[in-house]
Amino acid sequence: MRKTIRMAAIGSILGGITTSWLAPKAIAWYFTPPIEMALNCKAPIEWALHKLQLAQLFGTAAGAILFILLSFTILKEKTDIRSPEIS
């Protein structure tokens, strides 16, 4: 259980860092704000920050889930089940 929690924490941190690095570039490249910017740029900034927060939340959750699955499959702790010796 402790190993799974550690893997979830590592995955969520790595997912959050990766998303924080990639999400602004993806938002700027893929999306255009739905509101035209004239003299007031508050609405487009709020829109972009909302998209960034959603991307970071998704990246953090995806990283945690990915690393939990990784801990169950690849790093599965092998248990040694031995029958007690009868003398």
Protein backbone atom coordinates (compact mmCIF):
# COMPACT_ATOMS: atom_id res chain seq x y z
CA MET A 1 0.00 0.00 0.00
CA ARG A 2 2.81 2.35 0.87
CA LYS A 3 4.51 1.68 -2.47
CA THR A 4 1.26 2.44 -4.33
CA ILE A 5 0.85 5.76 -2.52
CA ARG A 6 4.44 6.70 -3.31
CA MET A 7 3.97 5.82 -6.98
CA ALA A 8 0.75 7.86 -7.10
CA ALA A 9 2.52 10.85 -5.56
CA ILE A 10 5.46 10.58 -7.96
CA GLY A 11 3.12 10.21 -10.92
CA SER A 12 0.97 13.16 -9.95
CA ILE A 13 4.02 15.37 -9.43
CA LEU A 14 5.54 14.35 -12.78
CA GLY A 15 2.16 14.71 -14.51
CA GLY A 16 1.66 18.16 -13.02
CA ILE A 17 5.14 19.32 -14.00
CA THR A 18 4.81 17.96 -17.53
CA THR A 19 1.40 19.53 -17.98
CA SER A 20 2.56 22.86 -16.57
CA TRP A 21 5.33 22.85 -19.14
CA LEU A 22 3.31 21.68 -22.16
CA ALA A 23 -0.19 23.08 -21.56
CA PRO A 24 0.54 26.78 -22.23
CA LYS A 25 2.15 25.89 -25.55
CA ALA A 26 -0.77 23.66 -26.51
CA ILE A 27 -3.32 26.29 -25.53
CA ALA A 28 -1.53 28.97 -27.54
CA TRP A 29 -1.13 26.70 -30.57
CA TYR A 30 -4.49 24.94 -30.67
CA PHE A 31 -7.08 27.25 -29.14
CA THR A 32 -8.26 30.73 -29.95
CA PRO A 33 -10.08 32.66 -27.26
CA PRO A 34 -13.82 32.86 -27.81
CA ILE A 35 -13.81 36.54 -26.87
CA GLU A 36 -12.14 39.21 -28.98
CA MET A 37 -9.67 41.37 -27.12
CA ALA A 38 -10.19 45.09 -27.46
CA LEU A 39 -9.09 47.31 -24.61
CA ASN A 40 -10.03 44.89 -21.88
CA CYS A 41 -8.07 41.64 -21.88
CA LYS A 42 -9.55 40.25 -18.66
CA ALA A 43 -11.95 37.79 -20.32
CA PRO A 44 -9.38 36.10 -22.63
CA ILE A 45 -6.90 35.79 -19.77
CA GLU A 46 -9.53 34.23 -17.51
CA TRP A 47 -10.45 31.84 -20.32
CA ALA A 48 -6.82 30.82 -20.93
CA LEU A 49 -6.11 30.35 -17.22
CA HIS A 50 -9.23 28.22 -16.85
CA LYS A 51 -8.02 25.99 -19.71
CA LEU A 52 -4.56 25.81 -18.10
CA GLN A 53 -6.02 24.78 -14.75
CA LEU A 54 -8.12 22.07 -16.37
CA ALA A 55 -5.08 20.77 -18.26
CA GLN A 56 -3.01 20.70 -15.06
CA LEU A 57 -5.75 18.87 -13.18
CA PHE A 58 -6.04 16.31 -15.96
CA GLY A 59 -2.25 15.87 -16.19
CA THR A 60 -1.91 15.40 -12.43
CA ALA A 61 -4.72 12.83 -12.31
CA ALA A 62 -3.45 11.02 -15.41
CA GLY A 63 0.07 10.86 -13.97
CA ALA A 64 -1.20 9.44 -10.68
CA ILE A 65 -3.35 6.82 -12.42
CA LEU A 66 -0.56 5.87 -14.81
CA PHE A 67 1.95 5.38 -12.02
CA ILE A 68 -0.54 3.41 -9.90
CA LEU A 69 -1.11 1.06 -12.83
CA LEU A 70 2.65 0.91 -13.33
CA SER A 71 3.14 -0.07 -9.70
CA PHE A 72 0.56 -2.86 -10.03
CA THR A 73 1.93 -4.29 -13.27
CA ILE A 74 5.64 -3.73 -13.68
CA LEU A 75 6.83 -3.13 -10.16
CA LYS A 76 4.62 -5.74 -8.57
CA GLU A 77 6.19 -6.99 -5.44
CA LYS A 78 6.69 -10.71 -5.65
CA THR A 79 5.52 -12.50 -2.57
CA ASP A 80 7.18 -15.66 -1.49
CA ILE A 81 4.52 -18.11 -0.42
CA ARG A 82 6.00 -21.14 1.20
CA SER A 83 4.16 -23.93 2.86
CA PRO A 84 5.20 -24.44 6.45
CA GLU A 85 7.52 -27.33 6.92
CA ILE A 86 5.99 -30.21 8.76
CA SER A 87 8.43 -32.15 10.90
